[in-house]
Protein backbone atom coordinates (compact mmCIF):
# COMPACT_ATOMS: atom_id res chain seq x y z
CA UNK A 1 0.00 0.00 0.00
CA UNK A 2 1.03 3.63 -0.50
CA UNK A 3 0.25 4.72 3.04
CA UNK A 4 2.19 7.72 4.36
CA UNK A 5 2.07 6.65 8.01
CA UNK A 6 -0.84 8.99 8.67
CA UNK A 7 -3.33 6.16 9.14
CA UNK A 8 -3.66 7.06 12.79
CA UNK A 9 -4.79 10.53 11.71
CA UNK A 10 -7.21 9.10 9.16
CA UNK A 11 -8.73 6.64 11.61
CA UNK A 12 -9.07 9.39 14.19
CA UNK A 13 -10.72 11.73 11.68
CA UNK A 14 -13.16 9.01 10.60
CA UNK A 15 -14.04 8.33 14.24
CA UNK A 16 -14.56 12.03 14.97
CA UNK A 17 -16.65 12.46 11.82
CA UNK A 18 -18.86 9.54 12.79
CA UNK A 19 -19.21 10.82 16.36
CA UNK A 20 -20.33 14.16 14.91
CA UNK A 21 -22.79 12.20 12.73
CA UNK A 22 -21.49 13.73 9.54
CA UNK A 23 -21.09 12.06 6.17
CA UNK A 24 -17.79 12.35 4.36
CA UNK A 25 -19.42 14.76 1.91
CA UNK A 26 -20.89 16.91 4.71
CA UNK A 27 -17.53 17.22 6.46
CA UNK A 28 -15.74 17.97 3.20
CA UNK A 29 -18.24 20.76 2.45
CA UNK A 30 -18.01 22.18 6.00
CA UNK A 31 -14.20 22.11 5.91
CA UNK A 32 -13.93 23.51 2.39
CA UNK A 33 -12.01 20.57 0.96
CA UNK A 34 -12.95 18.13 -1.76
CA UNK A 35 -14.72 14.90 -0.95
CA UNK A 36 -12.06 12.69 -2.64
CA UNK A 37 -9.23 14.53 -0.84
CA UNK A 38 -10.87 14.05 2.57
CA UNK A 39 -11.46 10.38 1.73
CA UNK A 40 -7.76 9.97 0.91
CA UNK A 41 -6.80 11.60 4.22
CA UNK A 42 -9.09 9.22 6.12
CA UNK A 43 -7.57 6.24 4.32
CA UNK A 44 -4.04 7.42 5.13
CA UNK A 45 -3.09 8.08 1.51
CA UNK A 46 -2.57 11.84 1.87
CA UNK A 47 -0.90 13.96 4.51
CA UNK A 48 -2.86 17.21 4.83
CA UNK A 49 -1.31 20.60 5.53
CA UNK A 50 -1.75 22.35 8.88
CA UNK A 51 -4.25 24.70 7.21
CA UNK A 52 -6.43 21.83 6.00
CA UNK A 53 -6.26 20.20 9.42
CA UNK A 54 -7.33 23.47 11.02
CA UNK A 55 -10.33 23.70 8.66
CA UNK A 56 -11.31 20.08 9.38
CA UNK A 57 -10.90 20.60 13.14
CA UNK A 58 -13.11 23.66 13.00
CA UNK A 59 -15.77 21.77 11.04
CA UNK A 60 -15.64 18.90 13.57
CA UNK A 61 -15.45 21.34 16.51
CA UNK A 62 -12.35 19.68 17.92
CA UNK A 63 -8.87 20.93 18.75
CA UNK A 64 -6.63 21.53 15.74
CA UNK A 65 -3.64 20.80 18.01
CA UNK A 66 -4.89 17.24 18.49
CA UNK A 67 -4.93 16.76 14.73
CA UNK A 68 -1.46 18.32 14.43
CA UNK A 69 -0.09 15.78 16.90
CA UNK A 70 -1.74 12.87 15.10
CA UNK A 71 -0.41 14.13 11.77
CA UNK A 72 3.10 14.43 13.16
CA UNK A 73 3.23 18.22 12.92
CA UNK A 74 3.63 18.53 16.70
CA UNK A 75 5.89 16.24 18.73
CA UNK A 76 3.50 13.63 20.10
CA UNK A 77 5.67 12.44 22.99
CA UNK A 78 6.28 15.89 24.38
CA UNK A 79 3.02 17.63 23.56
CA UNK A 80 0.24 15.02 23.72
CA UNK A 81 -0.68 15.47 27.38
CA UNK A 82 -0.64 19.25 27.09
CA UNK A 83 -2.68 19.14 23.90
CA UNK A 84 -5.25 16.80 25.41
CA UNK A 85 -5.59 18.98 28.52
CA UNK A 86 -6.06 22.08 26.38
CA UNK A 87 -8.57 20.25 24.19
CA UNK A 88 -10.65 19.20 27.20
CA UNK A 89 -10.70 22.77 28.52
CA UNK A 90 -11.64 24.19 25.11
CA UNK A 91 -14.35 21.55 24.58
CA UNK A 92 -16.08 22.12 27.93
CA UNK A 93 -19.57 23.41 27.09
CA UNK A 94 -20.14 24.72 30.62
CA UNK A 95 -17.42 27.38 30.29
CA UNK A 96 -17.61 30.59 28.27
CA UNK A 97 -14.69 31.69 26.09
CA UNK A 98 -13.25 34.09 28.67
CA UNK A 99 -13.25 31.37 31.35
CA UNK A 100 -11.56 28.93 28.97
CA UNK A 101 -8.81 31.45 28.19
CA UNK A 102 -8.26 32.20 31.89
CA UNK A 103 -8.01 28.47 32.66
CA UNK A 104 -5.51 27.98 29.83
CA UNK A 105 -3.40 30.88 31.14
CA UNK A 106 -3.40 29.43 34.66
CA UNK A 107 -2.54 25.98 33.29
CA UNK A 108 0.38 27.40 31.29
CA UNK A 109 1.69 29.36 34.28
CA UNK A 110 1.70 26.21 36.42
CA UNK A 111 3.52 24.29 33.65
CA UNK A 112 6.17 27.03 33.48
CA UNK A 113 6.50 27.07 37.26
CA UNK A 114 7.11 23.32 37.22
CA UNK A 115 9.67 23.57 34.42
CA UNK A 116 7.48 22.33 31.57
CA UNK A 117 7.17 25.51 29.53
CA UNK A 118 8.93 25.75 26.19
CA UNK A 119 12.68 25.09 26.22
CA UNK A 120 13.48 28.80 25.89
CA UNK A 121 11.23 29.73 28.81
CA UNK A 122 12.65 26.89 30.89
CA UNK A 123 16.20 28.05 30.29
CA UNK A 124 15.44 31.66 31.18
CA UNK A 125 13.46 30.56 34.23
CA UNK A 126 16.40 28.54 35.52
CA UNK A 127 18.75 31.44 34.93
CA UNK A 128 16.47 33.74 36.87
CA UNK A 129 16.37 31.28 39.75
CA UNK A 130 20.17 31.05 39.82
CA UNK A 131 20.50 34.82 39.74
CA UNK A 132 18.00 35.17 42.56
CA UNK A 133 19.86 32.57 44.61
CA UNK A 134 23.19 34.34 43.99
CA UNK A 135 21.69 37.69 44.88
CA UNK A 136 20.27 36.27 48.10
CA UNK A 137 23.67 34.81 49.00
CA UNK A 138 25.33 38.19 48.35
CA UNK A 139 22.74 39.90 50.53
CA UNK A 140 23.51 37.45 53.34
CA UNK A 141 27.25 38.17 53.03
CA UNK A 142 26.62 41.91 53.02
CA UNK A 143 24.45 41.65 56.12
CA UNK A 144 27.07 39.56 57.91
CA UNK A 145 29.89 42.00 57.12
CA UNK A 146 27.85 44.89 58.51
CA UNK A 147 27.79 43.25 61.95
CA UNK A 148 31.38 41.98 61.95
CA UNK A 149 30.67 38.44 60.85
CA UNK A 150 32.82 35.36 60.67
CA UNK A 151 33.85 36.32 57.12
CA UNK A 152 35.71 39.32 58.57
CA UNK A 153 37.29 37.09 61.23
CA UNK A 154 38.33 34.54 58.62
CA UNK A 155 40.26 37.24 56.78
CA UNK A 156 41.91 38.36 60.02
CA UNK A 157 42.49 34.78 61.20
CA UNK A 158 44.94 33.80 58.45
CA UNK A 159 46.87 37.06 58.88
CA UNK A 160 47.43 36.29 62.54
CA UNK A 161 48.74 32.78 61.89
CA UNK A 162 50.95 33.95 59.02
CA UNK A 163 52.36 36.90 60.89
């Protein structure tokens, strides 16, 4: 067969289409793609672009990110849990759009706090932590020297033994 290893995407799309009780033709019309093209995607013969996936996701009322992961556009290992969590939040019919966005912002802030933001954010977050730790250590040294701490005595101590 001439499958492009996107069968998982095709099977998932077929399942979502059936859950939405849409025919292949209805979904193709709603997504603005041709019926044969959508059929080929479902059978794993074509790998759609991110734009087509976004149109299909919108027509199915599901997360485009979930389709990106299944199509291999996003890294499945790293992003699947995050994508699924976001999808559940976005799909919750009991929340309005503002509440969904606030929840997503809180979720992202907790991920960053726990070191699971993007690699760039993680690196800068670690650097900030190290700088804060260094600054706190310097403050402690400065406070100690103001009251004649052991650090002053340690400097004087070696002079006495040497001299």
